[in-house]
Amino acid sequence: MREFELIDVLRTRLAARRDDTRLGIGDDTAILAPSPQTELLVTTDTLIIDRHFPGDTTAFDIGYKAVAVNLSDIAAMGGAPAWLTISLAAPALEPDWADAFVDGLQAACAAYPGPDPIDIVGGDTTRADQLMITVTAIGHVASGRAIRRSGARAGDLIAVTGTLGDAAAGLARWPQREPCASETDPLIRRLVRPDLRDGRALIGRASAALDVSDGFLADLAHILTASNVGARVAVDDLPGAHALAAAAPDLATFRRWQATGGDDYELCLTAPAAQIGPLREALGCPLTVVGEITAELGLMCLDRHGQCLAADMPTRAGWDHFA
């Protein structure tokens, strides 16, 4: 069974029964309604050594990324993150490692661009054969305002924040990295310290959104499925850093890193054309239009000449934990 097949089974068999569970399994976060005015956003991610980060990643970078990937989920729903719980399983805990790990947790919380602090309010620790970190993030949004994957409509434009492919390139060059690479190499840095976006800017402007964790095309496909629409994507319009272009050995690798590499944790969103300018201003970061939502189902990838790249760009490629 593949990862998203399992998620479909869980979504069907564990359907929400409470009136205050507004959205259960299947989006970036759950939506819970403790009061008529406010909804809580809840998300959990588990990171395992040699699965989600190389075994020689620094403790600081492990802590930073563990928090960042959860804050990205809250942002994708248009929410403001408020609380985290951290569970750590490890073979042993050296004091210096633990101090650096906590420094990374705190640095990621401080780096979030929202106006309010984020508190770590609990968790658990235990001994295990391998290092594993589970983070649960809880945020909030005004009732009925969360941005879901299911809101895209034909004619909406598709846009992404920042740049894509840096983390995939960073992983490819990880074995050859220099000391302190997360400080000096922009691609390595993006792998272990993803940029964080303030998702509150999406409210009232974006029709659908998610964060790019498994690969741009794979994640966009989740929006298309949830919204029952299709898309045309201009692959050569995907935003790329100068360092990425310099690192790619050829055009095919460059496109693959951008379109299917994953671990970017940028926001992929859809919005009416008139909202792109306001979104760009409110987000305060680069926002690049890369395609358009269509009524016709399916995902078509086009090059700069308008030629279809279907043979080279499999639409569902991306990260799958059970592939």
Protein backbone atom coordinates (compact mmCIF):
# COMPACT_ATOMS: atom_id res chain seq x y z
CA MET A 1 0.00 0.00 0.00
CA ARG A 2 1.33 3.43 -0.92
CA GLU A 3 1.29 6.42 1.42
CA PHE A 4 -1.68 8.27 -0.04
CA GLU A 5 -3.68 5.05 -0.42
CA LEU A 6 -3.25 4.57 3.34
CA ILE A 7 -4.35 8.16 3.96
CA ASP A 8 -7.48 7.55 1.87
CA VAL A 9 -8.32 4.46 3.96
CA LEU A 10 -7.82 6.40 7.20
CA ARG A 11 -9.90 9.33 5.94
CA THR A 12 -12.78 7.00 5.04
CA ARG A 13 -12.74 4.77 8.11
CA LEU A 14 -11.95 7.49 10.65
CA ALA A 15 -14.38 10.11 9.40
CA ALA A 16 -15.13 12.87 11.92
CA ARG A 17 -18.25 12.41 14.08
CA ARG A 18 -18.12 15.51 16.28
CA ASP A 19 -19.83 18.75 15.27
CA ASP A 20 -16.78 20.75 16.34
CA THR A 21 -14.47 18.76 14.05
CA ARG A 22 -14.75 20.92 10.95
CA LEU A 23 -12.11 19.07 8.92
CA GLY A 24 -10.38 15.80 9.76
CA ILE A 25 -7.80 13.77 7.87
CA GLY A 26 -6.70 14.85 4.39
CA ASP A 27 -5.48 18.47 4.33
CA ASP A 28 -2.37 20.20 5.71
CA THR A 29 -4.02 20.43 9.13
CA ALA A 30 -7.21 19.42 10.88
CA ILE A 31 -9.69 22.20 11.71
CA LEU A 32 -11.31 22.11 15.16
CA ALA A 33 -13.88 24.62 16.42
CA PRO A 34 -13.69 25.17 20.20
CA SER A 35 -15.84 28.31 19.88
CA PRO A 36 -18.08 29.91 17.24
CA GLN A 37 -15.46 32.60 16.54
CA THR A 38 -12.23 30.58 16.34
CA GLU A 39 -11.02 27.38 14.75
CA LEU A 40 -7.88 25.53 15.79
CA LEU A 41 -5.48 24.10 13.21
CA VAL A 42 -3.65 20.94 14.31
CA THR A 43 -0.88 19.14 12.44
CA THR A 44 1.77 16.53 13.29
CA ASP A 45 4.97 15.51 11.52
CA THR A 46 7.50 12.83 12.40
CA LEU A 47 11.12 13.06 11.28
CA ILE A 48 13.39 10.00 11.40
CA ILE A 49 17.15 9.91 11.01
CA ASP A 50 18.35 8.76 7.57
CA ARG A 51 14.79 9.03 6.30
CA HIS A 52 13.96 12.71 6.64
CA PHE A 53 17.44 14.06 7.31
CA PRO A 54 20.96 12.63 6.81
CA GLY A 55 22.50 10.98 9.85
CA ASP A 56 25.22 13.60 10.18
CA THR A 57 22.86 16.58 10.28
CA THR A 58 23.66 18.90 13.19
CA ALA A 59 21.41 18.90 16.23
CA PHE A 60 20.58 22.57 15.63
CA ASP A 61 19.43 21.90 12.07
CA ILE A 62 17.39 18.86 13.13
CA GLY A 63 15.55 20.95 15.70
CA TYR A 64 15.03 23.81 13.28
CA LYS A 65 13.62 21.66 10.49
CA ALA A 66 11.37 19.64 12.81
CA VAL A 67 9.62 22.85 13.83
CA ALA A 68 9.69 24.52 10.41
CA VAL A 69 7.88 21.74 8.55
CA ASN A 70 4.99 21.96 11.01
CA LEU A 71 4.77 25.75 10.94
CA SER A 72 4.60 25.49 7.15
CA ASP A 73 1.44 23.38 7.42
CA ILE A 74 -0.23 25.99 9.62
CA ALA A 75 0.77 28.72 7.16
CA ALA A 76 -0.71 26.80 4.24
CA MET A 77 -4.11 26.91 5.94
CA GLY A 78 -3.90 30.66 6.50
CA GLY A 79 -3.43 30.25 10.23
CA ALA A 80 -1.27 31.73 12.95
CA PRO A 81 0.83 29.12 14.81
CA ALA A 82 0.70 29.38 18.60
CA TRP A 83 1.78 26.17 20.35
CA LEU A 84 4.05 23.18 19.77
CA THR A 85 4.64 19.87 21.50
CA ILE A 86 7.92 18.05 20.87
CA SER A 87 8.47 14.31 21.34
CA LEU A 88 12.02 13.00 21.05
CA ALA A 89 13.16 9.37 20.85
CA ALA A 90 16.91 8.77 20.79
CA PRO A 91 19.54 6.14 21.66
CA ALA A 92 21.28 8.61 24.00
CA LEU A 93 21.22 12.32 24.79
CA GLU A 94 24.52 14.14 25.16
CA PRO A 95 24.16 17.54 26.89
CA ASP A 96 25.83 19.47 24.06
CA TRP A 97 23.60 17.78 21.47
CA ALA A 98 20.48 18.50 23.51
CA ASP A 99 21.44 22.16 23.95
CA ALA A 100 22.00 22.61 20.21
CA PHE A 101 18.73 20.80 19.43
CA VAL A 102 16.77 23.14 21.70
CA ASP A 103 18.58 26.10 20.14
CA GLY A 104 17.28 24.92 16.75
CA LEU A 105 13.72 24.59 18.05
CA GLN A 106 13.82 28.10 19.46
CA ALA A 107 15.44 29.57 16.34
CA ALA A 108 12.70 28.21 14.09
CA CYS A 109 9.99 29.61 16.37
CA ALA A 110 11.74 32.99 16.39
CA ALA A 111 12.17 32.96 12.60
CA TYR A 112 8.44 32.66 11.91
CA PRO A 113 7.36 36.00 10.39
CA GLY A 114 4.11 36.39 12.34
CA PRO A 115 3.74 39.02 15.09
CA ASP A 116 3.02 36.67 18.01
CA PRO A 117 5.38 34.30 19.86
CA ILE A 118 5.16 30.52 19.48
CA ASP A 119 5.37 28.50 22.70
CA ILE A 120 6.62 24.94 23.13
CA VAL A 121 4.21 23.64 25.76
CA GLY A 122 5.04 19.96 26.23
CA GLY A 123 5.90 16.65 24.66
CA ASP A 124 7.70 13.46 25.62
CA THR A 125 11.13 11.84 25.60
CA THR A 126 12.08 8.18 25.43
CA ARG A 127 14.97 5.92 24.53
CA ALA A 128 14.90 4.26 21.10
CA ASP A 129 17.25 2.52 18.69
CA GLN A 130 17.25 5.48 16.30
CA LEU A 131 16.67 9.22 16.49
CA MET A 132 13.06 10.26 15.86
CA ILE A 133 11.31 13.58 16.47
CA THR A 134 7.55 14.14 16.40
CA VAL A 135 6.20 17.68 16.50
CA THR A 136 2.56 18.71 16.84
CA ALA A 137 1.74 22.31 15.96
CA ILE A 138 -1.47 24.06 16.95
CA GLY A 139 -2.55 27.32 15.36
CA HIS A 140 -5.73 29.32 15.01
CA VAL A 141 -7.80 31.08 12.37
CA ALA A 142 -11.09 32.96 12.39
CA SER A 143 -14.03 30.60 12.03
CA GLY A 144 -14.73 29.61 8.43
CA ARG A 145 -11.65 31.40 7.04
CA ALA A 146 -9.10 28.57 6.77
CA ILE A 147 -7.68 27.98 3.29
CA ARG A 148 -8.40 24.43 2.16
CA ARG A 149 -7.12 22.43 -0.78
CA SER A 150 -10.62 22.16 -2.20
CA GLY A 151 -11.23 25.79 -3.17
CA ALA A 152 -9.46 26.09 -6.55
CA ARG A 153 -11.68 27.12 -9.47
CA ALA A 154 -11.19 27.15 -13.23
CA GLY A 155 -9.48 30.37 -14.26
CA ASP A 156 -7.56 30.77 -11.00
CA LEU A 157 -3.83 31.27 -11.38
CA ILE A 158 -1.31 28.95 -9.73
CA ALA A 159 1.53 30.63 -7.86
CA VAL A 160 4.39 29.63 -5.57
CA THR A 161 6.38 31.58 -3.01
CA GLY A 162 10.17 31.78 -3.03
CA THR A 163 12.11 29.29 -5.14
CA LEU A 164 11.73 25.57 -5.82
CA GLY A 165 14.33 22.82 -6.05
CA ASP A 166 16.94 24.18 -3.65
CA ALA A 167 16.44 21.45 -1.05
CA ALA A 168 16.63 18.65 -3.63
CA ALA A 169 19.88 20.10 -4.96
CA GLY A 170 21.17 20.49 -1.41
CA LEU A 171 20.48 16.83 -0.71
CA ALA A 172 22.28 15.83 -3.91
CA ARG A 173 25.41 17.73 -2.90
CA TRP A 174 25.22 16.79 0.80
CA PRO A 175 28.02 14.16 0.63
CA GLN A 176 30.42 16.74 -0.84
CA ARG A 177 29.45 19.63 1.44
CA GLU A 178 31.99 21.78 3.24
CA PRO A 179 32.09 22.21 7.03
CA CYS A 180 29.39 24.60 8.30
CA ALA A 181 27.61 24.21 4.95
CA SER A 182 24.23 25.12 6.44
CA GLU A 183 25.69 28.57 7.10
CA THR A 184 27.59 29.05 3.85
CA ASP A 185 25.89 26.99 1.11
CA PRO A 186 22.43 28.36 0.16
CA LEU A 187 21.21 25.00 -1.17
CA ILE A 188 22.28 23.06 1.93
CA ARG A 189 20.75 25.78 4.07
CA ARG A 190 17.38 25.48 2.32
CA LEU A 191 17.44 21.71 2.91
CA VAL A 192 17.83 21.96 6.68
CA ARG A 193 16.37 25.42 7.37
CA PRO A 194 13.36 26.01 5.11
CA ASP A 195 12.15 29.56 4.63
CA LEU A 196 9.00 30.32 6.63
CA ARG A 197 6.01 32.27 5.29
CA ASP A 198 3.23 34.09 7.13
CA GLY A 199 0.15 32.28 5.87
CA ARG A 200 -2.28 34.83 7.28
CA ALA A 201 -1.68 36.74 4.04
CA LEU A 202 -3.68 34.06 2.20
CA ILE A 203 -6.94 34.83 4.00
CA GLY A 204 -9.49 36.44 1.70
CA ARG A 205 -7.10 36.27 -1.25
CA ALA A 206 -6.14 32.65 -2.05
CA SER A 207 -8.76 30.10 -3.08
CA ALA A 208 -6.66 27.03 -2.19
CA ALA A 209 -3.17 26.35 -0.83
CA LEU A 210 -0.75 23.79 0.56
CA ASP A 211 2.92 23.63 1.37
CA VAL A 212 5.37 22.01 -1.05
CA SER A 213 6.77 19.09 0.93
CA ASP A 214 6.58 16.07 -1.38
CA GLY A 215 7.39 17.87 -4.65
CA PHE A 216 5.61 20.68 -6.49
CA LEU A 217 3.76 18.53 -9.04
CA ALA A 218 2.77 15.89 -6.52
CA ASP A 219 1.47 18.49 -4.09
CA LEU A 220 -0.33 20.50 -6.76
CA ALA A 221 -2.08 17.27 -7.73
CA HIS A 222 -3.60 17.17 -4.22
CA ILE A 223 -5.24 20.55 -4.85
CA LEU A 224 -6.52 19.37 -8.23
CA THR A 225 -8.00 16.21 -6.74
CA ALA A 226 -9.62 17.99 -3.80
CA SER A 227 -11.02 20.75 -6.03
CA ASN A 228 -12.02 18.45 -8.92
CA VAL A 229 -10.18 20.59 -11.47
CA GLY A 230 -7.15 20.36 -13.77
CA ALA A 231 -4.16 22.58 -14.45
CA ARG A 232 -1.66 23.78 -17.02
CA VAL A 233 1.81 24.43 -15.60
CA ALA A 234 4.62 26.29 -17.37
CA VAL A 235 7.55 24.27 -16.06
CA ASP A 236 10.14 26.77 -17.24
CA ASP A 237 8.39 29.49 -15.21
CA LEU A 238 9.01 27.67 -11.91
CA PRO A 239 11.16 30.01 -9.81
CA GLY A 240 14.74 28.88 -9.27
CA ALA A 241 17.65 30.34 -7.33
CA HIS A 242 20.87 31.30 -9.11
CA ALA A 243 22.69 28.70 -7.01
CA LEU A 244 20.31 26.01 -8.26
CA ALA A 245 20.99 26.83 -11.91
CA ALA A 246 24.73 26.70 -11.24
CA ALA A 247 24.47 23.34 -9.45
CA ALA A 248 22.31 21.50 -12.00
CA PRO A 249 24.38 19.43 -14.46
CA ASP A 250 21.70 19.69 -17.17
CA LEU A 251 18.23 21.04 -17.90
CA ALA A 252 16.51 17.73 -17.13
CA THR A 253 18.02 17.64 -13.62
CA PHE A 254 17.16 21.30 -13.04
CA ARG A 255 13.52 20.66 -13.99
CA ARG A 256 13.35 17.49 -11.90
CA TRP A 257 14.71 19.22 -8.79
CA GLN A 258 12.20 22.04 -9.17
CA ALA A 259 9.12 20.07 -10.13
CA THR A 260 9.46 16.86 -8.14
CA GLY A 261 12.30 17.29 -5.62
CA GLY A 262 10.28 18.19 -2.53
CA ASP A 263 11.37 19.50 0.89
CA ASP A 264 10.96 23.12 -0.26
CA TYR A 265 8.15 24.00 2.20
CA GLU A 266 7.18 26.96 0.05
CA LEU A 267 3.49 27.74 -0.39
CA CYS A 268 1.69 26.63 -3.54
CA LEU A 269 -1.56 28.53 -3.92
CA THR A 270 -4.36 29.30 -6.35
CA ALA A 271 -6.07 32.66 -6.60
CA PRO A 272 -8.01 34.86 -9.02
CA ALA A 273 -5.69 36.96 -11.17
CA ALA A 274 -6.78 40.16 -9.41
CA GLN A 275 -5.50 38.80 -6.08
CA ILE A 276 -1.93 37.99 -7.15
CA GLY A 277 -0.67 41.54 -6.60
CA PRO A 278 -2.27 41.89 -3.15
CA LEU A 279 -0.98 38.43 -2.20
CA ARG A 280 2.56 39.32 -3.25
CA GLU A 281 2.44 42.50 -1.18
CA ALA A 282 0.88 40.85 1.87
CA LEU A 283 3.29 37.88 1.85
CA GLY A 284 6.32 40.14 1.58
CA CYS A 285 8.26 37.58 -0.46
CA PRO A 286 8.61 36.62 -4.13
CA LEU A 287 5.43 35.10 -5.57
CA THR A 288 5.63 33.62 -9.07
CA VAL A 289 2.69 32.68 -11.29
CA VAL A 290 3.43 29.28 -12.85
CA GLY A 291 0.15 28.11 -14.34
CA GLU A 292 -3.62 28.18 -14.46
CA ILE A 293 -6.45 26.04 -13.13
CA THR A 294 -8.62 24.45 -15.83
CA ALA A 295 -12.08 22.91 -15.83
CA GLU A 296 -10.69 19.96 -17.78
CA LEU A 297 -9.23 17.38 -15.41
CA GLY A 298 -5.57 16.42 -15.57
CA LEU A 299 -2.22 18.13 -15.10
CA MET A 300 -0.44 19.31 -18.24
CA CYS A 301 3.21 20.44 -18.05
CA LEU A 302 4.41 22.76 -20.81
CA ASP A 303 7.85 24.08 -21.74
CA ARG A 304 8.59 27.70 -22.69
CA HIS A 305 7.45 26.95 -26.25
CA GLY A 306 4.11 25.56 -25.12
CA GLN A 307 5.11 21.97 -25.89
CA CYS A 308 3.85 19.22 -23.59
CA LEU A 309 6.48 17.65 -21.30
CA ALA A 310 4.33 14.75 -20.13
CA ALA A 311 6.92 12.14 -21.06
CA ASP A 312 9.62 13.86 -18.99
CA MET A 313 7.58 15.23 -16.09
CA PRO A 314 5.40 12.52 -14.50
CA THR A 315 2.53 14.36 -12.85
CA ARG A 316 2.45 12.29 -9.67
CA ALA A 317 6.20 12.12 -9.10
CA GLY A 318 7.30 13.18 -5.65
CA TRP A 319 7.99 11.82 -2.19
CA ASP A 320 5.99 8.81 -0.98
CA HIS A 321 6.98 7.26 2.36
CA PHE A 322 5.72 3.82 1.35
CA ALA A 323 6.86 3.73 -2.29
